[in-house]
């Protein structure tokens, strides 16, 4: 789900567009194919769900929006984001805290 690369941290996400509110909904899948499941309060049309995911991840991780880039899955529910300016340990801690609550 999270990987350190030379360019930053990659985060694999499974989007659920059209939800009542945007929030982490759990883990989708198991093992190396696991993804962070995020319910998104935006329709999947015209890139609105992607924009909402970028805004949510930026806010959640205290990053500027331009530090969160969608690198794969523009038109798919399975997406990969590249995060700049944050450590792997910090990202793991924030996500773990959200999953526990």
Protein backbone atom coordinates (compact mmCIF):
# COMPACT_ATOMS: atom_id res chain seq x y z
CA UNK A 1 0.00 0.00 0.00
CA UNK A 2 2.84 2.41 0.88
CA UNK A 3 6.27 2.32 -0.72
CA UNK A 4 9.34 4.54 -0.53
CA UNK A 5 10.72 5.47 -3.96
CA UNK A 6 13.45 7.83 -5.09
CA UNK A 7 10.73 10.33 -6.05
CA UNK A 8 8.73 10.16 -2.79
CA UNK A 9 6.12 7.90 -1.21
CA UNK A 10 3.64 5.96 -3.34
CA UNK A 11 0.21 5.27 -1.88
CA UNK A 12 -2.11 2.71 -3.48
CA UNK A 13 -5.78 3.66 -3.09
CA UNK A 14 -9.12 2.05 -3.90
CA UNK A 15 -11.68 4.84 -4.44
CA UNK A 16 -15.39 4.57 -3.69
CA UNK A 17 -16.92 7.62 -5.41
CA UNK A 18 -20.40 8.92 -4.62
CA UNK A 19 -20.18 8.40 -0.85
CA UNK A 20 -21.93 10.63 1.70
CA UNK A 21 -18.60 11.94 2.97
CA UNK A 22 -14.93 11.59 2.13
CA UNK A 23 -13.14 9.37 4.63
CA UNK A 24 -10.87 6.38 4.96
CA UNK A 25 -13.08 3.30 4.81
CA UNK A 26 -10.51 0.59 5.57
CA UNK A 27 -8.17 -1.66 3.62
CA UNK A 28 -9.07 -3.22 0.26
CA UNK A 29 -7.34 -6.52 -0.51
CA UNK A 30 -4.51 -8.31 1.27
CA UNK A 31 -0.74 -8.60 1.17
CA UNK A 32 1.20 -6.74 -1.52
CA UNK A 33 -2.03 -5.98 -3.44
CA UNK A 34 -3.61 -4.17 -0.46
CA UNK A 35 -4.89 -0.65 -1.04
CA UNK A 36 -6.21 2.07 1.24
CA UNK A 37 -9.97 2.24 0.66
CA UNK A 38 -11.25 5.83 0.61
CA UNK A 39 -14.92 6.78 0.26
CA UNK A 40 -15.18 9.96 -1.81
CA UNK A 41 -17.98 12.52 -1.66
CA UNK A 42 -17.75 13.32 -5.37
CA UNK A 43 -18.98 11.71 -8.58
CA UNK A 44 -16.46 9.84 -10.74
CA UNK A 45 -17.24 12.03 -13.77
CA UNK A 46 -14.99 14.77 -15.15
CA UNK A 47 -12.17 13.98 -12.70
CA UNK A 48 -14.08 15.30 -9.70
CA UNK A 49 -13.41 12.21 -7.58
CA UNK A 50 -9.69 12.44 -8.40
CA UNK A 51 -9.63 16.12 -7.39
CA UNK A 52 -11.50 15.31 -4.16
CA UNK A 53 -9.02 12.51 -3.36
CA UNK A 54 -6.04 14.81 -3.91
CA UNK A 55 -7.58 17.49 -1.68
CA UNK A 56 -8.44 14.92 1.02
CA UNK A 57 -4.98 13.31 1.05
CA UNK A 58 -3.28 16.71 1.12
CA UNK A 59 -5.38 17.80 4.10
CA UNK A 60 -5.02 14.46 5.90
CA UNK A 61 -1.23 14.44 5.53
CA UNK A 62 -0.78 18.23 6.01
CA UNK A 63 0.70 18.66 2.54
CA UNK A 64 0.08 21.26 -0.14
CA UNK A 65 -2.14 19.94 -2.96
CA UNK A 66 0.76 20.12 -5.42
CA UNK A 67 2.66 17.59 -3.25
CA UNK A 68 0.02 14.93 -4.01
CA UNK A 69 0.12 13.64 -7.60
CA UNK A 70 -2.06 11.00 -9.20
CA UNK A 71 0.36 8.77 -11.13
CA UNK A 72 -1.84 5.81 -12.11
CA UNK A 73 -5.53 5.00 -12.36
CA UNK A 74 -7.00 8.26 -13.64
CA UNK A 75 -10.18 6.51 -14.83
CA UNK A 76 -10.04 3.50 -12.50
CA UNK A 77 -11.11 2.94 -8.91
CA UNK A 78 -7.61 1.61 -8.21
CA UNK A 79 -5.20 4.54 -8.09
CA UNK A 80 -1.61 5.29 -7.13
CA UNK A 81 -0.60 8.65 -5.67
CA UNK A 82 2.92 10.02 -5.32
CA UNK A 83 3.47 12.04 -2.15
CA UNK A 84 6.28 14.60 -1.83
CA UNK A 85 7.58 16.22 1.35
CA UNK A 86 6.58 13.56 3.85
CA UNK A 87 8.38 10.56 5.31
CA UNK A 88 7.20 6.98 5.07
CA UNK A 89 7.02 6.73 8.87
CA UNK A 90 4.84 9.85 9.16
CA UNK A 91 2.51 8.67 6.40
CA UNK A 92 2.18 5.24 8.03
CA UNK A 93 1.43 6.82 11.42
CA UNK A 94 -1.29 9.11 10.06
CA UNK A 95 -2.98 6.29 8.14
CA UNK A 96 -2.75 3.91 11.10
CA UNK A 97 -4.37 6.53 13.37
CA UNK A 98 -7.22 6.98 10.89
CA UNK A 99 -7.77 3.24 10.59
CA UNK A 100 -7.97 2.86 14.39
CA UNK A 101 -10.61 5.54 14.84
